[in-house]
């Protein structure tokens, strides 16, 4: 009989959101030709007292500069509580690192877009993100760091 394996989303919530427009109102006078920087980070923490529950936080920071000035900085931390049943550690890590952020992404995108539009800037649509590729890159970086540490001479 097959094992009952589950990975479930229990709750999605906005953990933190901020928007700064440091050079308003002068920033609205310049012709709008922004340079946009997008930073994406994820964090996974176990929930105390519940061995099978984890908080996944997807943090996205958008920094737009225009005419050599910061037009805005928008940052959103969208979080979710995920639970699992019957997953091994090797199955749980990618579930939390890939499926968790993927589930949170549409909410993050909407919140970022709303914040920026409420600040009177043109609509910003966050492009899709391949969380599997980001997770695989992280796994490779950890392996590389472990290999490098193992090759260091012992004193």
N, C-alpha and C. Protein backbone atom coordinates (compact mmCIF):
# COMPACT_ATOMS: atom_id res chain seq x y z
N UNK A 1 0.84 -1.19 0.00
CA UNK A 1 0.00 0.00 0.00
C UNK A 1 0.89 1.25 0.00
N UNK A 2 0.55 2.22 -0.83
CA UNK A 2 1.35 3.44 -0.97
C UNK A 2 1.22 4.32 0.27
N UNK A 3 2.32 4.98 0.58
CA UNK A 3 2.36 5.90 1.70
C UNK A 3 1.49 7.12 1.39
N UNK A 4 0.83 7.66 2.40
CA UNK A 4 0.02 8.86 2.22
C UNK A 4 0.92 10.09 2.40
N UNK A 5 1.32 10.69 1.28
CA UNK A 5 2.21 11.86 1.32
C UNK A 5 1.42 13.09 0.92
N UNK A 6 1.53 14.12 1.75
CA UNK A 6 0.81 15.36 1.48
C UNK A 6 1.68 16.57 1.79
N UNK A 7 1.46 17.62 1.02
CA UNK A 7 2.06 18.93 1.27
C UNK A 7 0.93 19.93 1.09
N UNK A 8 0.53 20.56 2.18
CA UNK A 8 -0.67 21.40 2.16
C UNK A 8 -0.39 22.83 2.59
N UNK A 9 -1.09 23.73 1.94
CA UNK A 9 -1.08 25.14 2.32
C UNK A 9 -2.17 25.35 3.37
N UNK A 10 -1.79 25.85 4.53
CA UNK A 10 -2.74 26.08 5.62
C UNK A 10 -3.26 27.52 5.63
N UNK A 11 -2.37 28.47 5.32
CA UNK A 11 -2.75 29.89 5.38
C UNK A 11 -1.76 30.71 4.59
N UNK A 12 -2.27 31.76 3.95
CA UNK A 12 -1.43 32.76 3.28
C UNK A 12 -1.71 34.09 3.94
N UNK A 13 -0.64 34.85 4.21
CA UNK A 13 -0.83 36.15 4.84
C UNK A 13 0.29 37.11 4.43
N UNK A 14 -0.03 38.38 4.48
CA UNK A 14 0.94 39.42 4.21
C UNK A 14 1.68 39.70 5.51
N UNK A 15 2.97 39.39 5.54
CA UNK A 15 3.77 39.55 6.76
C UNK A 15 4.29 40.97 6.90
N UNK A 16 4.65 41.59 5.77
CA UNK A 16 5.19 42.95 5.82
C UNK A 16 5.10 43.54 4.41
N UNK A 17 4.84 44.83 4.35
CA UNK A 17 4.84 45.54 3.06
C UNK A 17 5.27 46.97 3.32
N UNK A 18 6.10 47.49 2.43
CA UNK A 18 6.50 48.88 2.57
C UNK A 18 6.74 49.49 1.19
N UNK A 19 6.56 50.78 1.15
CA UNK A 19 6.80 51.54 -0.07
C UNK A 19 7.42 52.87 0.32
N UNK A 20 8.52 53.19 -0.32
CA UNK A 20 9.18 54.47 -0.10
C UNK A 20 9.27 55.21 -1.43
N UNK A 21 8.96 56.48 -1.40
CA UNK A 21 9.12 57.36 -2.55
C UNK A 21 9.94 58.55 -2.05
N UNK A 22 11.26 58.35 -1.93
CA UNK A 22 12.11 59.33 -1.23
C UNK A 22 12.22 60.70 -1.90
N UNK A 23 11.99 60.77 -3.19
CA UNK A 23 12.18 62.06 -3.88
C UNK A 23 10.88 62.65 -4.41
N UNK A 24 9.77 62.26 -3.78
CA UNK A 24 8.48 62.84 -4.18
C UNK A 24 8.41 64.26 -3.64
N UNK A 25 7.83 65.19 -4.31
CA UNK A 25 7.15 65.07 -5.59
C UNK A 25 8.06 65.29 -6.80
N UNK A 26 9.32 65.63 -6.57
CA UNK A 26 10.22 65.93 -7.70
C UNK A 26 10.34 64.76 -8.68
N UNK A 27 10.25 63.53 -8.19
CA UNK A 27 10.41 62.36 -9.05
C UNK A 27 9.33 62.30 -10.14
N UNK A 28 8.19 62.92 -9.88
CA UNK A 28 7.10 62.88 -10.86
C UNK A 28 7.28 63.91 -11.98
N UNK A 29 8.28 64.77 -11.86
CA UNK A 29 8.51 65.79 -12.88
C UNK A 29 9.39 65.30 -14.02
N UNK A 30 10.21 64.27 -13.76
CA UNK A 30 11.14 63.78 -14.78
C UNK A 30 10.42 62.84 -15.75
N UNK A 31 10.96 62.78 -16.98
CA UNK A 31 10.41 61.83 -17.96
C UNK A 31 10.63 60.42 -17.40
N UNK A 32 9.62 59.57 -17.51
CA UNK A 32 9.64 58.24 -16.89
C UNK A 32 10.36 57.23 -17.78
N UNK A 33 11.64 56.98 -17.46
CA UNK A 33 12.45 55.96 -18.13
C UNK A 33 13.20 55.22 -17.03
N UNK A 34 12.50 54.40 -16.27
CA UNK A 34 13.12 53.81 -15.07
C UNK A 34 14.06 52.65 -15.37
N UNK A 35 15.00 52.47 -14.45
CA UNK A 35 15.80 51.26 -14.38
C UNK A 35 15.28 50.54 -13.15
N UNK A 36 14.93 49.27 -13.32
CA UNK A 36 14.29 48.53 -12.24
C UNK A 36 15.15 47.35 -11.82
N UNK A 37 15.36 47.23 -10.52
CA UNK A 37 16.10 46.12 -9.94
C UNK A 37 15.13 45.29 -9.11
N UNK A 38 15.10 43.98 -9.35
CA UNK A 38 14.22 43.07 -8.62
C UNK A 38 15.07 42.09 -7.82
N UNK A 39 14.85 42.04 -6.52
CA UNK A 39 15.54 41.11 -5.64
C UNK A 39 14.51 40.16 -5.05
N UNK A 40 14.81 38.86 -5.08
CA UNK A 40 13.89 37.84 -4.57
C UNK A 40 14.63 36.98 -3.56
N UNK A 41 14.01 36.78 -2.41
CA UNK A 41 14.58 35.93 -1.36
C UNK A 41 13.47 35.09 -0.77
N UNK A 42 13.82 33.89 -0.38
CA UNK A 42 12.87 33.05 0.34
C UNK A 42 13.50 32.62 1.66
N UNK A 43 12.63 32.37 2.62
CA UNK A 43 13.08 31.93 3.94
C UNK A 43 12.09 30.87 4.42
N UNK A 44 12.62 29.82 5.02
CA UNK A 44 11.78 28.75 5.56
C UNK A 44 12.15 28.56 7.02
N UNK A 45 11.14 28.57 7.87
CA UNK A 45 11.35 28.37 9.31
C UNK A 45 10.33 27.36 9.82
N UNK A 46 10.78 26.43 10.67
CA UNK A 46 9.81 25.53 11.30
C UNK A 46 8.94 26.32 12.28
N UNK A 47 7.72 25.89 12.45
CA UNK A 47 6.83 26.55 13.40
C UNK A 47 6.95 25.82 14.73
N UNK A 48 7.31 26.59 15.75
CA UNK A 48 7.58 26.02 17.07
C UNK A 48 6.36 25.25 17.58
N UNK A 49 6.64 24.06 18.08
CA UNK A 49 5.58 23.24 18.65
C UNK A 49 4.81 22.40 17.65
N UNK A 50 5.11 22.58 16.36
CA UNK A 50 4.42 21.80 15.32
C UNK A 50 5.46 21.28 14.34
N UNK A 51 5.91 20.07 14.58
CA UNK A 51 7.02 19.51 13.81
C UNK A 51 6.73 19.40 12.32
N UNK A 52 5.47 19.33 11.94
CA UNK A 52 5.12 19.14 10.54
C UNK A 52 4.62 20.42 9.87
N UNK A 53 4.81 21.59 10.52
CA UNK A 53 4.37 22.87 9.97
C UNK A 53 5.57 23.81 9.78
N UNK A 54 5.56 24.54 8.67
CA UNK A 54 6.64 25.47 8.35
C UNK A 54 6.07 26.78 7.83
N UNK A 55 6.77 27.86 8.14
CA UNK A 55 6.44 29.16 7.55
C UNK A 55 7.41 29.38 6.39
N UNK A 56 6.85 29.70 5.23
CA UNK A 56 7.65 30.06 4.06
C UNK A 56 7.37 31.53 3.79
N UNK A 57 8.45 32.33 3.66
CA UNK A 57 8.31 33.76 3.38
C UNK A 57 8.98 34.05 2.04
N UNK A 58 8.22 34.66 1.16
CA UNK A 58 8.73 35.12 -0.13
C UNK A 58 8.86 36.63 -0.03
N UNK A 59 10.10 37.12 -0.12
CA UNK A 59 10.37 38.55 -0.04
C UNK A 59 10.80 39.05 -1.41
N UNK A 60 10.11 40.06 -1.90
CA UNK A 60 10.44 40.68 -3.18
C UNK A 60 10.64 42.17 -2.94
N UNK A 61 11.78 42.66 -3.41
CA UNK A 61 12.10 44.09 -3.29
C UNK A 61 12.31 44.64 -4.69
N UNK A 62 11.55 45.68 -5.02
CA UNK A 62 11.65 46.36 -6.32
C UNK A 62 12.22 47.75 -6.06
N UNK A 63 13.32 48.06 -6.72
CA UNK A 63 13.91 49.39 -6.62
C UNK A 63 13.92 49.99 -8.02
N UNK A 64 13.23 51.11 -8.18
CA UNK A 64 13.19 51.79 -9.47
C UNK A 64 13.94 53.10 -9.35
N UNK A 65 14.87 53.31 -10.27
CA UNK A 65 15.57 54.59 -10.34
C UNK A 65 15.20 55.26 -11.64
N UNK A 66 15.10 56.57 -11.58
CA UNK A 66 14.76 57.35 -12.75
C UNK A 66 15.58 58.63 -12.70
N UNK A 67 16.22 58.94 -13.80
CA UNK A 67 17.05 60.14 -13.87
C UNK A 67 18.03 60.19 -12.70
N UNK A 68 18.64 59.03 -12.43
CA UNK A 68 19.69 58.91 -11.41
C UNK A 68 19.20 59.10 -9.98
N UNK A 69 17.89 59.09 -9.77
CA UNK A 69 17.32 59.19 -8.43
C UNK A 69 16.46 57.97 -8.15
N UNK A 70 16.38 57.60 -6.89
CA UNK A 70 15.49 56.50 -6.52
C UNK A 70 14.06 57.01 -6.63
N UNK A 71 13.30 56.39 -7.51
CA UNK A 71 11.90 56.76 -7.68
C UNK A 71 11.07 56.11 -6.58
N UNK A 72 11.26 54.80 -6.40
CA UNK A 72 10.56 54.09 -5.33
C UNK A 72 11.28 52.81 -4.96
N UNK A 73 11.01 52.38 -3.75
CA UNK A 73 11.43 51.07 -3.27
C UNK A 73 10.18 50.42 -2.69
N UNK A 74 9.79 49.31 -3.28
CA UNK A 74 8.63 48.56 -2.80
C UNK A 74 9.12 47.20 -2.32
N UNK A 75 8.72 46.83 -1.11
CA UNK A 75 9.12 45.54 -0.57
C UNK A 75 7.92 44.84 0.03
N UNK A 76 7.77 43.57 -0.32
CA UNK A 76 6.67 42.76 0.18
C UNK A 76 7.23 41.46 0.72
N UNK A 77 6.75 41.09 1.90
CA UNK A 77 7.04 39.77 2.47
C UNK A 77 5.70 39.05 2.58
N UNK A 78 5.48 38.15 1.64
CA UNK A 78 4.27 37.34 1.62
C UNK A 78 4.62 36.01 2.25
N UNK A 79 3.79 35.56 3.18
CA UNK A 79 4.11 34.34 3.91
C UNK A 79 2.99 33.33 3.82
N UNK A 80 3.35 32.10 4.11
CA UNK A 80 2.37 31.03 4.15
C UNK A 80 2.77 29.99 5.17
N UNK A 81 1.77 29.34 5.72
CA UNK A 81 2.02 28.21 6.61
C UNK A 81 1.70 26.96 5.82
N UNK A 82 2.68 26.07 5.76
CA UNK A 82 2.55 24.82 5.03
C UNK A 82 2.74 23.66 5.99
N UNK A 83 1.98 22.60 5.75
CA UNK A 83 2.14 21.39 6.55
C UNK A 83 2.42 20.22 5.62
N UNK A 84 2.97 19.18 6.20
CA UNK A 84 3.23 17.99 5.39
C UNK A 84 2.93 16.75 6.21
N UNK A 85 2.74 15.69 5.46
CA UNK A 85 2.52 14.39 6.08
C UNK A 85 3.25 13.36 5.24
N UNK A 86 4.11 12.59 5.87
CA UNK A 86 4.76 11.47 5.21
C UNK A 86 5.89 11.82 4.26
N UNK A 87 6.33 13.07 4.20
CA UNK A 87 7.42 13.43 3.30
C UNK A 87 8.76 13.20 3.99
N UNK A 88 9.70 12.64 3.25
CA UNK A 88 11.06 12.52 3.76
C UNK A 88 11.73 13.90 3.69
N UNK A 89 12.88 14.04 4.33
CA UNK A 89 13.58 15.32 4.29
C UNK A 89 13.96 15.70 2.86
N UNK A 90 14.34 14.70 2.06
CA UNK A 90 14.69 14.95 0.65
C UNK A 90 13.48 15.38 -0.18
N UNK A 91 12.29 15.01 0.23
CA UNK A 91 11.07 15.44 -0.46
C UNK A 91 10.58 16.78 0.08
N UNK A 92 10.78 16.98 1.39
CA UNK A 92 10.27 18.19 2.03
C UNK A 92 11.03 19.44 1.61
N UNK A 93 12.35 19.35 1.50
CA UNK A 93 13.15 20.53 1.14
C UNK A 93 12.71 21.17 -0.17
N UNK A 94 12.58 20.40 -1.27
CA UNK A 94 12.11 21.05 -2.50
C UNK A 94 10.65 21.49 -2.43
N UNK A 95 9.83 20.78 -1.65
CA UNK A 95 8.44 21.22 -1.50
C UNK A 95 8.40 22.61 -0.88
N UNK A 96 9.19 22.81 0.17
CA UNK A 96 9.24 24.11 0.83
C UNK A 96 9.96 25.16 -0.01
N UNK A 97 11.01 24.75 -0.72
CA UNK A 97 11.82 25.69 -1.49
C UNK A 97 11.29 26.03 -2.86
N UNK A 98 10.42 25.17 -3.41
CA UNK A 98 9.88 25.41 -4.75
C UNK A 98 8.37 25.64 -4.70
N UNK A 99 7.64 24.68 -4.17
CA UNK A 99 6.18 24.76 -4.19
C UNK A 99 5.64 25.85 -3.26
N UNK A 100 6.30 26.05 -2.12
CA UNK A 100 5.87 27.12 -1.21
C UNK A 100 5.92 28.49 -1.86
N UNK A 101 7.11 28.93 -2.32
CA UNK A 101 7.19 30.24 -2.98
C UNK A 101 6.31 30.35 -4.23
N UNK A 102 6.15 29.26 -4.96
CA UNK A 102 5.30 29.27 -6.15
C UNK A 102 3.86 29.57 -5.77
N UNK A 103 3.39 29.00 -4.66
CA UNK A 103 2.02 29.26 -4.20
C UNK A 103 1.86 30.70 -3.73
N UNK A 104 2.90 31.28 -3.15
CA UNK A 104 2.84 32.65 -2.62
C UNK A 104 2.99 33.72 -3.71
N UNK A 105 3.62 33.36 -4.82
CA UNK A 105 3.97 34.33 -5.84
C UNK A 105 2.80 35.17 -6.37
N UNK A 106 1.65 34.59 -6.72
CA UNK A 106 0.57 35.43 -7.25
C UNK A 106 0.11 36.52 -6.26
N UNK A 107 0.12 36.21 -4.99
CA UNK A 107 -0.27 37.19 -3.96
C UNK A 107 0.79 38.29 -3.86
N UNK A 108 2.05 37.89 -3.93
CA UNK A 108 3.15 38.86 -3.89
C UNK A 108 3.07 39.80 -5.09
N UNK A 109 2.85 39.23 -6.26
CA UNK A 109 2.76 40.03 -7.49
C UNK A 109 1.65 41.08 -7.38
N UNK A 110 0.49 40.65 -6.90
CA UNK A 110 -0.64 41.56 -6.78
C UNK A 110 -0.35 42.68 -5.77
N UNK A 111 0.24 42.35 -4.64
CA UNK A 111 0.52 43.35 -3.62
C UNK A 111 1.55 44.36 -4.12
N UNK A 112 2.61 43.88 -4.78
CA UNK A 112 3.63 44.78 -5.35
C UNK A 112 2.98 45.73 -6.35
N UNK A 113 2.19 45.19 -7.24
CA UNK A 113 1.53 46.00 -8.27
C UNK A 113 0.64 47.06 -7.63
N UNK A 114 -0.16 46.67 -6.64
CA UNK A 114 -1.06 47.61 -5.97
C UNK A 114 -0.28 48.73 -5.28
N UNK A 115 0.78 48.37 -4.56
CA UNK A 115 1.58 49.39 -3.85
C UNK A 115 2.13 50.43 -4.83
N UNK A 116 2.69 49.96 -5.92
CA UNK A 116 3.32 50.87 -6.88
C UNK A 116 2.28 51.76 -7.55
N UNK A 117 1.14 51.19 -7.90
CA UNK A 117 0.08 52.01 -8.53
C UNK A 117 -0.48 53.03 -7.54
N UNK A 118 -0.60 52.67 -6.26
CA UNK A 118 -1.11 53.61 -5.27
C UNK A 118 -0.16 54.77 -5.03
N UNK A 119 1.10 54.57 -5.40
CA UNK A 119 2.07 55.65 -5.29
C UNK A 119 2.09 56.52 -6.54
N UNK A 120 1.17 56.25 -7.47
CA UNK A 120 0.99 57.04 -8.68
C UNK A 120 2.04 56.77 -9.75
N UNK A 121 2.64 55.59 -9.71
CA UNK A 121 3.57 55.20 -10.76
C UNK A 121 2.86 54.28 -11.74
N UNK A 122 3.41 54.14 -12.96
CA UNK A 122 2.81 53.21 -13.93
C UNK A 122 2.80 51.78 -13.36
N UNK A 123 1.84 51.01 -13.84
CA UNK A 123 1.69 49.64 -13.37
C UNK A 123 2.99 48.86 -13.55
N UNK A 124 3.31 48.08 -12.55
CA UNK A 124 4.47 47.19 -12.61
C UNK A 124 3.97 45.76 -12.46
N UNK A 125 4.28 44.93 -13.45
CA UNK A 125 3.88 43.53 -13.39
C UNK A 125 5.14 42.69 -13.21
N UNK A 126 5.23 42.06 -12.07
CA UNK A 126 6.36 41.19 -11.76
C UNK A 126 6.31 39.97 -12.67
N UNK A 127 7.39 39.74 -13.40
CA UNK A 127 7.44 38.62 -14.33
C UNK A 127 7.49 37.29 -13.57
N UNK A 128 7.01 36.21 -14.19
CA UNK A 128 7.06 34.90 -13.53
C UNK A 128 8.49 34.55 -13.11
N UNK A 129 8.59 33.82 -12.02
CA UNK A 129 9.88 33.43 -11.47
C UNK A 129 9.95 31.90 -11.43
N UNK A 130 11.06 31.35 -11.87
CA UNK A 130 11.26 29.91 -11.86
C UNK A 130 11.90 29.53 -10.52
N UNK A 131 11.07 29.20 -9.54
CA UNK A 131 11.58 28.89 -8.21
C UNK A 131 12.34 27.57 -8.18
N UNK A 132 12.03 26.68 -9.11
CA UNK A 132 12.79 25.42 -9.16
C UNK A 132 14.24 25.70 -9.55
N UNK A 133 14.45 26.57 -10.53
CA UNK A 133 15.81 26.91 -10.94
C UNK A 133 16.56 27.61 -9.80
N UNK A 134 15.89 28.50 -9.08
CA UNK A 134 16.51 29.19 -7.95
C UNK A 134 16.89 28.19 -6.86
N UNK A 135 15.99 27.23 -6.60
CA UNK A 135 16.26 26.22 -5.58
C UNK A 135 17.45 25.34 -6.00
N UNK A 136 17.47 24.91 -7.25
CA UNK A 136 18.57 24.07 -7.73
C UNK A 136 19.91 24.82 -7.67
N UNK A 137 19.88 26.11 -7.97
CA UNK A 137 21.09 26.93 -7.88
C UNK A 137 21.57 26.99 -6.43
N UNK A 138 20.64 27.15 -5.49
CA UNK A 138 20.99 27.18 -4.07
C UNK A 138 21.60 25.85 -3.63
N UNK A 139 20.99 24.74 -4.04
CA UNK A 139 21.51 23.41 -3.70
C UNK A 139 22.93 23.26 -4.22
N UNK A 140 23.17 23.70 -5.45
CA UNK A 140 24.52 23.59 -6.04
C UNK A 140 25.52 24.47 -5.28
N UNK A 141 25.10 25.67 -4.88
CA UNK A 141 26.00 26.55 -4.12
C UNK A 141 26.38 25.92 -2.79
N UNK A 142 25.42 25.28 -2.13
CA UNK A 142 25.70 24.61 -0.85
C UNK A 142 26.69 23.47 -1.08
N UNK A 143 26.47 22.67 -2.13
CA UNK A 143 27.39 21.56 -2.44
C UNK A 143 28.79 22.08 -2.73
N UNK A 144 28.88 23.15 -3.53
CA UNK A 144 30.18 23.73 -3.87
C UNK A 144 30.90 24.23 -2.62
N UNK A 145 30.17 24.88 -1.72
CA UNK A 145 30.76 25.38 -0.48
C UNK A 145 31.25 24.22 0.40
N UNK A 146 30.47 23.13 0.45
CA UNK A 146 30.88 21.96 1.23
C UNK A 146 32.13 21.32 0.63
N UNK A 147 32.17 21.22 -0.69
CA UNK A 147 33.33 20.65 -1.36
C UNK A 147 34.57 21.50 -1.13
N UNK A 148 34.40 22.82 -1.21
CA UNK A 148 35.52 23.73 -0.99
C UNK A 148 36.03 23.62 0.45
N UNK A 149 35.10 23.54 1.40
CA UNK A 149 35.48 23.41 2.81
C UNK A 149 36.21 22.09 3.05
N UNK A 150 35.78 21.03 2.38
CA UNK A 150 36.41 19.72 2.55
C UNK A 150 37.83 19.70 1.98
N UNK A 151 38.10 20.55 0.98
CA UNK A 151 39.42 20.58 0.35
C UNK A 151 40.40 21.50 1.07
N UNK A 152 39.92 22.28 2.02
CA UNK A 152 40.79 23.17 2.77
C UNK A 152 41.72 22.34 3.66
N UNK A 153 42.99 22.73 3.74
CA UNK A 153 43.91 21.97 4.59
C UNK A 153 43.50 22.06 6.06
N UNK A 154 43.65 20.96 6.75
CA UNK A 154 43.32 20.90 8.18
C UNK A 154 44.53 21.32 8.98
N UNK A 155 44.33 22.13 9.99
CA UNK A 155 45.44 22.61 10.82
C UNK A 155 45.50 21.85 12.11
